Amino acid sequence: MHVSFALFADAANLSQEGKLNILGVFDAVQVGQLPAIHPRAHLVVRLKGGAPDIGVHTVSLRWENPSGIDLWSSDGELDVEGVPSAGTEMDFPLIAAIDLPLDEPGGYTMRIALDGEPRGAVGLLVRAAPPQFVAPPPTGALVS
């Protein structure tokens, strides 16, 4: 089994027909101040596999800040049952709605592992907005 692609999006879902729908793909965000939380980011991972992948697999996600510190992690299981005939790959889409903690500006990485082996990563550049300076009105001045 391998990662065909992985990305962050504003929204994602599977249609009734099993089609993967992705809306608002992004790889950078700007926040007003840090620390912050980027709410409800959708991590979309498209896994591909075939008959040799039948069985239970562990999927691990690890959110790492620019200093290399893990801010969040999660493990889950993927149970691959019957697949089409040999030579045919199947899609195993994974959609995770995650609140991403952000503690410093720079490049963050979501690391993806399958059965304990690194298989992919998604980067996110975080910028903090420069502070806004608003001069107070002069003393005794009229303000409308």
N, C-alpha and C. Protein backbone atom coordinates (compact mmCIF):
# COMPACT_ATOMS: atom_id res chain seq x y z
N MET A 1 0.86 -1.16 0.00
CA MET A 1 0.00 0.00 0.00
C MET A 1 0.91 1.23 0.00
N HIS A 2 0.48 2.27 -0.74
CA HIS A 2 1.27 3.49 -0.80
C HIS A 2 0.36 4.72 -0.80
N VAL A 3 0.98 5.87 -0.50
CA VAL A 3 0.26 7.15 -0.53
C VAL A 3 0.35 7.70 -1.95
N SER A 4 -0.80 7.84 -2.60
CA SER A 4 -0.86 8.41 -3.94
C SER A 4 -0.71 9.93 -3.87
N PHE A 5 -1.43 10.56 -2.93
CA PHE A 5 -1.25 11.98 -2.65
C PHE A 5 -1.79 12.30 -1.27
N ALA A 6 -1.33 13.43 -0.74
CA ALA A 6 -1.81 13.92 0.55
C ALA A 6 -1.77 15.44 0.51
N LEU A 7 -2.81 16.08 1.09
CA LEU A 7 -2.90 17.53 1.05
C LEU A 7 -3.83 18.04 2.14
N PHE A 8 -3.78 19.37 2.38
CA PHE A 8 -4.72 20.04 3.27
C PHE A 8 -5.76 20.74 2.42
N ALA A 9 -7.02 20.73 2.87
CA ALA A 9 -8.11 21.39 2.16
C ALA A 9 -9.08 21.99 3.16
N ASP A 10 -9.92 22.91 2.66
CA ASP A 10 -10.96 23.49 3.50
C ASP A 10 -12.08 22.49 3.77
N ALA A 11 -12.33 21.60 2.81
CA ALA A 11 -13.39 20.61 2.97
C ALA A 11 -13.12 19.42 2.04
N ALA A 12 -13.63 18.26 2.43
CA ALA A 12 -13.52 17.07 1.59
C ALA A 12 -14.61 16.09 2.03
N ASN A 13 -15.05 15.27 1.07
CA ASN A 13 -16.03 14.23 1.38
C ASN A 13 -15.99 13.17 0.30
N LEU A 14 -16.73 12.09 0.54
CA LEU A 14 -16.91 11.03 -0.45
C LEU A 14 -18.35 11.08 -0.92
N SER A 15 -18.55 11.06 -2.23
CA SER A 15 -19.91 11.05 -2.77
C SER A 15 -20.54 9.68 -2.57
N GLN A 16 -21.83 9.57 -2.88
CA GLN A 16 -22.52 8.28 -2.77
C GLN A 16 -21.89 7.24 -3.69
N GLU A 17 -21.28 7.72 -4.77
CA GLU A 17 -20.65 6.81 -5.73
C GLU A 17 -19.22 6.46 -5.33
N GLY A 18 -18.73 7.05 -4.24
CA GLY A 18 -17.37 6.78 -3.80
C GLY A 18 -16.33 7.73 -4.36
N LYS A 19 -16.78 8.81 -5.01
CA LYS A 19 -15.84 9.79 -5.57
C LYS A 19 -15.34 10.71 -4.46
N LEU A 20 -14.05 10.99 -4.50
CA LEU A 20 -13.43 11.88 -3.53
C LEU A 20 -13.59 13.32 -4.01
N ASN A 21 -14.25 14.16 -3.20
CA ASN A 21 -14.45 15.58 -3.51
C ASN A 21 -13.58 16.41 -2.58
N ILE A 22 -12.80 17.33 -3.15
CA ILE A 22 -11.89 18.17 -2.36
C ILE A 22 -12.13 19.62 -2.74
N LEU A 23 -12.25 20.48 -1.73
CA LEU A 23 -12.52 21.90 -1.95
C LEU A 23 -11.52 22.75 -1.18
N GLY A 24 -10.89 23.70 -1.85
CA GLY A 24 -10.03 24.68 -1.19
C GLY A 24 -8.70 24.12 -0.73
N VAL A 25 -7.91 23.56 -1.64
CA VAL A 25 -6.59 23.03 -1.30
C VAL A 25 -5.67 24.19 -0.91
N PHE A 26 -4.90 24.02 0.17
CA PHE A 26 -3.98 25.08 0.59
C PHE A 26 -2.69 24.48 1.15
N ASP A 27 -1.62 25.28 1.08
CA ASP A 27 -0.34 24.88 1.66
C ASP A 27 0.29 26.00 2.48
N ALA A 28 -0.46 27.09 2.71
CA ALA A 28 0.02 28.20 3.53
C ALA A 28 -1.17 28.89 4.18
N VAL A 29 -0.96 29.40 5.40
CA VAL A 29 -1.97 30.18 6.10
C VAL A 29 -1.29 31.36 6.77
N GLN A 30 -2.08 32.41 6.99
CA GLN A 30 -1.61 33.56 7.74
C GLN A 30 -2.55 33.74 8.92
N VAL A 31 -1.97 33.88 10.10
CA VAL A 31 -2.76 34.05 11.32
C VAL A 31 -2.48 35.42 11.91
N GLY A 32 -3.44 35.93 12.69
CA GLY A 32 -3.29 37.25 13.30
C GLY A 32 -2.22 37.28 14.37
N GLN A 33 -2.14 36.19 15.12
CA GLN A 33 -1.13 36.11 16.18
C GLN A 33 -0.87 34.64 16.50
N LEU A 34 0.26 34.39 17.12
CA LEU A 34 0.62 33.03 17.54
C LEU A 34 0.80 33.02 19.05
N PRO A 35 0.47 31.96 19.73
CA PRO A 35 -0.06 30.69 19.22
C PRO A 35 -1.50 30.84 18.72
N ALA A 36 -1.88 29.91 17.87
CA ALA A 36 -3.22 29.92 17.28
C ALA A 36 -3.63 28.48 16.95
N ILE A 37 -4.88 28.32 16.59
CA ILE A 37 -5.42 27.04 16.11
C ILE A 37 -6.03 27.31 14.74
N HIS A 38 -5.63 26.51 13.75
CA HIS A 38 -6.32 26.57 12.45
C HIS A 38 -7.45 25.56 12.52
N PRO A 39 -8.70 26.04 12.62
CA PRO A 39 -9.82 25.12 12.87
C PRO A 39 -10.25 24.33 11.64
N ARG A 40 -10.56 23.09 11.87
CA ARG A 40 -11.20 22.21 10.89
C ARG A 40 -10.49 22.12 9.55
N ALA A 41 -9.17 22.02 9.58
CA ALA A 41 -8.45 21.71 8.35
C ALA A 41 -8.75 20.25 8.00
N HIS A 42 -8.89 19.97 6.75
CA HIS A 42 -9.14 18.59 6.33
C HIS A 42 -7.85 18.03 5.71
N LEU A 43 -7.31 17.03 6.36
CA LEU A 43 -6.18 16.30 5.79
C LEU A 43 -6.78 15.23 4.89
N VAL A 44 -6.38 15.23 3.62
CA VAL A 44 -6.89 14.26 2.66
C VAL A 44 -5.72 13.41 2.20
N VAL A 45 -5.82 12.11 2.41
CA VAL A 45 -4.77 11.17 2.00
C VAL A 45 -5.42 10.13 1.12
N ARG A 46 -4.86 9.95 -0.06
CA ARG A 46 -5.36 8.90 -0.96
C ARG A 46 -4.36 7.75 -0.94
N LEU A 47 -4.78 6.65 -0.35
CA LEU A 47 -3.97 5.44 -0.30
C LEU A 47 -4.37 4.54 -1.46
N LYS A 48 -3.40 3.86 -2.04
CA LYS A 48 -3.66 2.91 -3.11
C LYS A 48 -3.12 1.55 -2.66
N GLY A 49 -3.88 0.51 -2.97
CA GLY A 49 -3.44 -0.83 -2.59
C GLY A 49 -4.12 -1.88 -3.44
N GLY A 50 -3.68 -3.12 -3.25
CA GLY A 50 -4.23 -4.23 -4.01
C GLY A 50 -4.35 -5.47 -3.15
N ALA A 51 -4.46 -6.61 -3.80
CA ALA A 51 -4.68 -7.88 -3.11
C ALA A 51 -3.63 -8.18 -2.03
N PRO A 52 -2.36 -7.87 -2.23
CA PRO A 52 -1.38 -8.16 -1.17
C PRO A 52 -1.61 -7.35 0.12
N ASP A 53 -2.44 -6.32 0.05
CA ASP A 53 -2.66 -5.44 1.20
C ASP A 53 -3.87 -5.84 2.05
N ILE A 54 -4.50 -6.97 1.75
CA ILE A 54 -5.64 -7.41 2.55
C ILE A 54 -5.18 -7.64 3.98
N GLY A 55 -5.96 -7.11 4.92
CA GLY A 55 -5.64 -7.26 6.33
C GLY A 55 -5.75 -5.92 7.04
N VAL A 56 -5.35 -5.89 8.30
CA VAL A 56 -5.43 -4.68 9.12
C VAL A 56 -4.10 -3.95 9.08
N HIS A 57 -4.17 -2.64 8.85
CA HIS A 57 -2.98 -1.80 8.80
C HIS A 57 -3.12 -0.64 9.78
N THR A 58 -1.99 -0.20 10.32
CA THR A 58 -1.98 0.95 11.22
C THR A 58 -1.62 2.19 10.42
N VAL A 59 -2.41 3.25 10.61
CA VAL A 59 -2.15 4.55 9.99
C VAL A 59 -1.81 5.52 11.13
N SER A 60 -0.66 6.18 11.02
CA SER A 60 -0.23 7.12 12.05
C SER A 60 -0.04 8.50 11.43
N LEU A 61 -0.55 9.52 12.13
CA LEU A 61 -0.39 10.91 11.72
C LEU A 61 0.35 11.63 12.84
N ARG A 62 1.32 12.47 12.45
CA ARG A 62 2.10 13.23 13.43
C ARG A 62 2.29 14.65 12.92
N TRP A 63 1.86 15.66 13.71
CA TRP A 63 1.92 17.08 13.36
C TRP A 63 3.15 17.69 14.04
N GLU A 64 4.08 18.18 13.23
CA GLU A 64 5.38 18.64 13.71
C GLU A 64 5.56 20.13 13.41
N ASN A 65 6.01 20.91 14.41
CA ASN A 65 6.21 22.35 14.19
C ASN A 65 7.56 22.60 13.51
N PRO A 66 7.87 23.86 13.15
CA PRO A 66 9.12 24.16 12.44
C PRO A 66 10.38 23.79 13.23
N SER A 67 10.28 23.69 14.56
CA SER A 67 11.43 23.31 15.38
C SER A 67 11.57 21.80 15.53
N GLY A 68 10.67 21.04 14.88
CA GLY A 68 10.74 19.58 14.93
C GLY A 68 10.05 18.97 16.13
N ILE A 69 9.25 19.75 16.86
CA ILE A 69 8.53 19.26 18.03
C ILE A 69 7.16 18.75 17.62
N ASP A 70 6.79 17.56 18.10
CA ASP A 70 5.46 17.00 17.83
C ASP A 70 4.42 17.75 18.65
N LEU A 71 3.42 18.33 17.96
CA LEU A 71 2.34 19.04 18.64
C LEU A 71 1.08 18.20 18.75
N TRP A 72 0.97 17.16 17.92
CA TRP A 72 -0.25 16.36 17.87
C TRP A 72 0.06 15.06 17.15
N SER A 73 -0.56 13.97 17.58
CA SER A 73 -0.41 12.70 16.86
C SER A 73 -1.67 11.87 17.06
N SER A 74 -1.87 10.95 16.14
CA SER A 74 -3.02 10.07 16.21
C SER A 74 -2.71 8.79 15.44
N ASP A 75 -3.22 7.67 15.95
CA ASP A 75 -3.07 6.38 15.29
C ASP A 75 -4.45 5.79 15.07
N GLY A 76 -4.59 5.06 13.99
CA GLY A 76 -5.85 4.39 13.70
C GLY A 76 -5.59 3.13 12.90
N GLU A 77 -6.65 2.40 12.65
CA GLU A 77 -6.53 1.16 11.88
C GLU A 77 -7.34 1.24 10.60
N LEU A 78 -6.80 0.64 9.56
CA LEU A 78 -7.47 0.52 8.28
C LEU A 78 -7.59 -0.97 7.99
N ASP A 79 -8.82 -1.44 7.86
CA ASP A 79 -9.07 -2.86 7.60
C ASP A 79 -9.38 -3.02 6.12
N VAL A 80 -8.44 -3.59 5.39
CA VAL A 80 -8.61 -3.81 3.95
C VAL A 80 -9.18 -5.20 3.75
N GLU A 81 -10.43 -5.22 3.24
CA GLU A 81 -11.07 -6.51 2.97
C GLU A 81 -10.96 -6.79 1.49
N GLY A 82 -11.88 -7.52 0.92
CA GLY A 82 -11.79 -7.93 -0.48
C GLY A 82 -11.46 -6.79 -1.44
N VAL A 83 -10.58 -7.05 -2.35
CA VAL A 83 -10.21 -6.09 -3.40
C VAL A 83 -10.42 -6.76 -4.75
N PRO A 84 -10.46 -5.97 -5.82
CA PRO A 84 -10.64 -6.56 -7.15
C PRO A 84 -9.50 -7.54 -7.49
N SER A 85 -9.61 -8.15 -8.63
CA SER A 85 -8.65 -9.15 -9.07
C SER A 85 -7.22 -8.63 -9.05
N ALA A 86 -6.28 -9.55 -9.04
CA ALA A 86 -4.85 -9.20 -9.01
C ALA A 86 -4.52 -8.24 -10.15
N GLY A 87 -3.61 -7.34 -9.88
CA GLY A 87 -3.21 -6.36 -10.88
C GLY A 87 -4.04 -5.10 -10.87
N THR A 88 -5.11 -5.08 -10.08
CA THR A 88 -5.98 -3.91 -10.00
C THR A 88 -5.77 -3.23 -8.66
N GLU A 89 -5.53 -1.93 -8.69
CA GLU A 89 -5.38 -1.18 -7.45
C GLU A 89 -6.72 -0.60 -7.03
N MET A 90 -6.88 -0.44 -5.73
CA MET A 90 -8.07 0.20 -5.19
C MET A 90 -7.66 1.44 -4.43
N ASP A 91 -8.60 2.40 -4.36
CA ASP A 91 -8.40 3.61 -3.58
C ASP A 91 -8.90 3.39 -2.17
N PHE A 92 -8.15 3.92 -1.21
CA PHE A 92 -8.56 3.93 0.18
C PHE A 92 -8.42 5.37 0.67
N PRO A 93 -9.46 6.22 0.44
CA PRO A 93 -9.34 7.62 0.85
C PRO A 93 -9.46 7.77 2.36
N LEU A 94 -8.63 8.65 2.90
CA LEU A 94 -8.66 8.98 4.32
C LEU A 94 -8.89 10.48 4.43
N ILE A 95 -9.94 10.87 5.14
CA ILE A 95 -10.26 12.29 5.36
C ILE A 95 -10.31 12.50 6.87
N ALA A 96 -9.45 13.38 7.36
CA ALA A 96 -9.42 13.69 8.79
C ALA A 96 -9.63 15.18 8.98
N ALA A 97 -10.70 15.55 9.70
CA ALA A 97 -10.94 16.96 10.04
C ALA A 97 -10.19 17.24 11.34
N ILE A 98 -9.21 18.14 11.28
CA ILE A 98 -8.29 18.35 12.39
C ILE A 98 -8.18 19.83 12.72
N ASP A 99 -8.16 20.15 14.02
CA ASP A 99 -7.80 21.49 14.46
C ASP A 99 -6.28 21.49 14.63
N LEU A 100 -5.59 22.30 13.81
CA LEU A 100 -4.13 22.29 13.80
C LEU A 100 -3.56 23.32 14.77
N PRO A 101 -2.83 22.90 15.81
CA PRO A 101 -2.18 23.85 16.70
C PRO A 101 -0.97 24.48 16.01
N LEU A 102 -0.83 25.78 16.14
CA LEU A 102 0.27 26.53 15.53
C LEU A 102 0.93 27.35 16.64
N ASP A 103 2.22 27.15 16.86
CA ASP A 103 2.87 27.84 17.96
C ASP A 103 4.02 28.76 17.55
N GLU A 104 4.42 28.72 16.28
CA GLU A 104 5.48 29.60 15.81
C GLU A 104 5.39 29.71 14.29
N PRO A 105 5.92 30.78 13.71
CA PRO A 105 5.88 30.89 12.25
C PRO A 105 6.87 29.91 11.61
N GLY A 106 6.60 29.55 10.36
CA GLY A 106 7.51 28.67 9.63
C GLY A 106 6.81 27.48 9.02
N GLY A 107 7.61 26.49 8.64
CA GLY A 107 7.09 25.32 7.95
C GLY A 107 6.75 24.17 8.89
N TYR A 108 5.49 23.76 8.88
CA TYR A 108 4.99 22.63 9.66
C TYR A 108 4.90 21.41 8.75
N THR A 109 4.90 20.22 9.35
CA THR A 109 4.81 18.99 8.56
C THR A 109 3.86 18.00 9.23
N MET A 110 2.93 17.47 8.44
CA MET A 110 2.10 16.35 8.87
C MET A 110 2.76 15.10 8.31
N ARG A 111 3.27 14.25 9.17
CA ARG A 111 3.95 13.03 8.76
C ARG A 111 2.94 11.87 8.77
N ILE A 112 2.99 11.07 7.71
CA ILE A 112 2.05 9.96 7.53
C ILE A 112 2.85 8.66 7.50
N ALA A 113 2.47 7.71 8.36
CA ALA A 113 3.13 6.41 8.39
C ALA A 113 2.09 5.31 8.24
N LEU A 114 2.47 4.25 7.56
CA LEU A 114 1.63 3.06 7.41
C LEU A 114 2.40 1.89 8.01
N ASP A 115 1.78 1.21 8.94
CA ASP A 115 2.41 0.07 9.61
C ASP A 115 3.79 0.42 10.16
N GLY A 116 3.90 1.64 10.70
CA GLY A 116 5.14 2.08 11.32
C GLY A 116 6.20 2.60 10.37
N GLU A 117 5.94 2.57 9.07
CA GLU A 117 6.91 3.03 8.08
C GLU A 117 6.49 4.38 7.51
N PRO A 118 7.39 5.38 7.48
CA PRO A 118 7.05 6.68 6.89
C PRO A 118 6.66 6.50 5.42
N ARG A 119 5.53 7.09 5.03
CA ARG A 119 5.05 6.94 3.66
C ARG A 119 4.74 8.25 2.97
N GLY A 120 4.66 9.35 3.74
CA GLY A 120 4.34 10.63 3.11
C GLY A 120 4.37 11.75 4.12
N ALA A 121 4.34 12.96 3.58
CA ALA A 121 4.32 14.16 4.43
C ALA A 121 3.62 15.28 3.68
N VAL A 122 2.96 16.15 4.44
CA VAL A 122 2.29 17.32 3.88
C VAL A 122 2.83 18.54 4.61
N GLY A 123 3.30 19.53 3.85
CA GLY A 123 3.84 20.73 4.46
C GLY A 123 2.80 21.85 4.52
N LEU A 124 2.96 22.71 5.52
CA LEU A 124 2.11 23.89 5.67
C LEU A 124 2.97 25.04 6.16
N LEU A 125 2.99 26.12 5.39
CA LEU A 125 3.74 27.32 5.77
C LEU A 125 2.82 28.23 6.57
N VAL A 126 3.28 28.64 7.77
CA VAL A 126 2.49 29.50 8.64
C VAL A 126 3.19 30.84 8.77
N ARG A 127 2.44 31.89 8.47
CA ARG A 127 2.94 33.26 8.61
C ARG A 127 2.08 33.99 9.63
N ALA A 128 2.73 34.79 10.46
CA ALA A 128 2.00 35.64 11.41
C ALA A 128 1.89 37.02 10.79
N ALA A 129 0.70 37.61 10.87
CA ALA A 129 0.49 38.95 10.32
C ALA A 129 1.35 39.95 11.10
N PRO A 130 1.93 40.91 10.40
CA PRO A 130 2.71 41.91 11.13
C PRO A 130 1.79 42.71 12.05
N PRO A 131 2.31 43.15 13.22
CA PRO A 131 1.47 43.92 14.13
C PRO A 131 1.01 45.22 13.47
N GLN A 132 -0.23 45.57 13.74
CA GLN A 132 -0.81 46.79 13.19
C GLN A 132 -0.68 47.91 14.21
N PHE A 133 -0.12 49.04 13.79
CA PHE A 133 0.02 50.18 14.68
C PHE A 133 -1.04 51.21 14.30
N VAL A 134 -1.83 51.59 15.26
CA VAL A 134 -2.84 52.63 15.04
C VAL A 134 -2.50 53.77 15.99
N ALA A 135 -2.19 54.90 15.41
CA ALA A 135 -1.82 56.06 16.22
C ALA A 135 -3.05 56.62 16.93
N PRO A 136 -2.93 56.94 18.23
CA PRO A 136 -4.07 57.54 18.92
C PRO A 136 -4.29 58.96 18.40
N PRO A 137 -5.54 59.43 18.45
CA PRO A 137 -5.81 60.79 17.97
C PRO A 137 -5.08 61.80 18.86
N PRO A 138 -4.65 62.91 18.29
CA PRO A 138 -3.99 63.93 19.10
C PRO A 138 -4.91 64.43 20.20
N THR A 139 -4.33 64.79 21.31
CA THR A 139 -5.10 65.29 22.45
C THR A 139 -5.81 66.58 22.05
N GLY A 140 -7.08 66.66 22.40
CA GLY A 140 -7.87 67.86 22.12
C GLY A 140 -8.39 67.95 20.71
N ALA A 141 -8.13 66.93 19.89
CA ALA A 141 -8.59 66.96 18.51
C ALA A 141 -10.01 66.44 18.44
N LEU A 142 -10.73 66.88 17.43
CA LEU A 142 -12.08 66.39 17.19
C LEU A 142 -12.01 65.09 16.40
N VAL A 143 -12.78 64.14 16.81
CA VAL A 143 -12.83 62.87 16.12
C VAL A 143 -14.24 62.66 15.65
N SER A 144 -14.40 62.33 14.35
CA SER A 144 -15.75 62.10 13.84
C SER A 144 -15.99 60.66 13.60
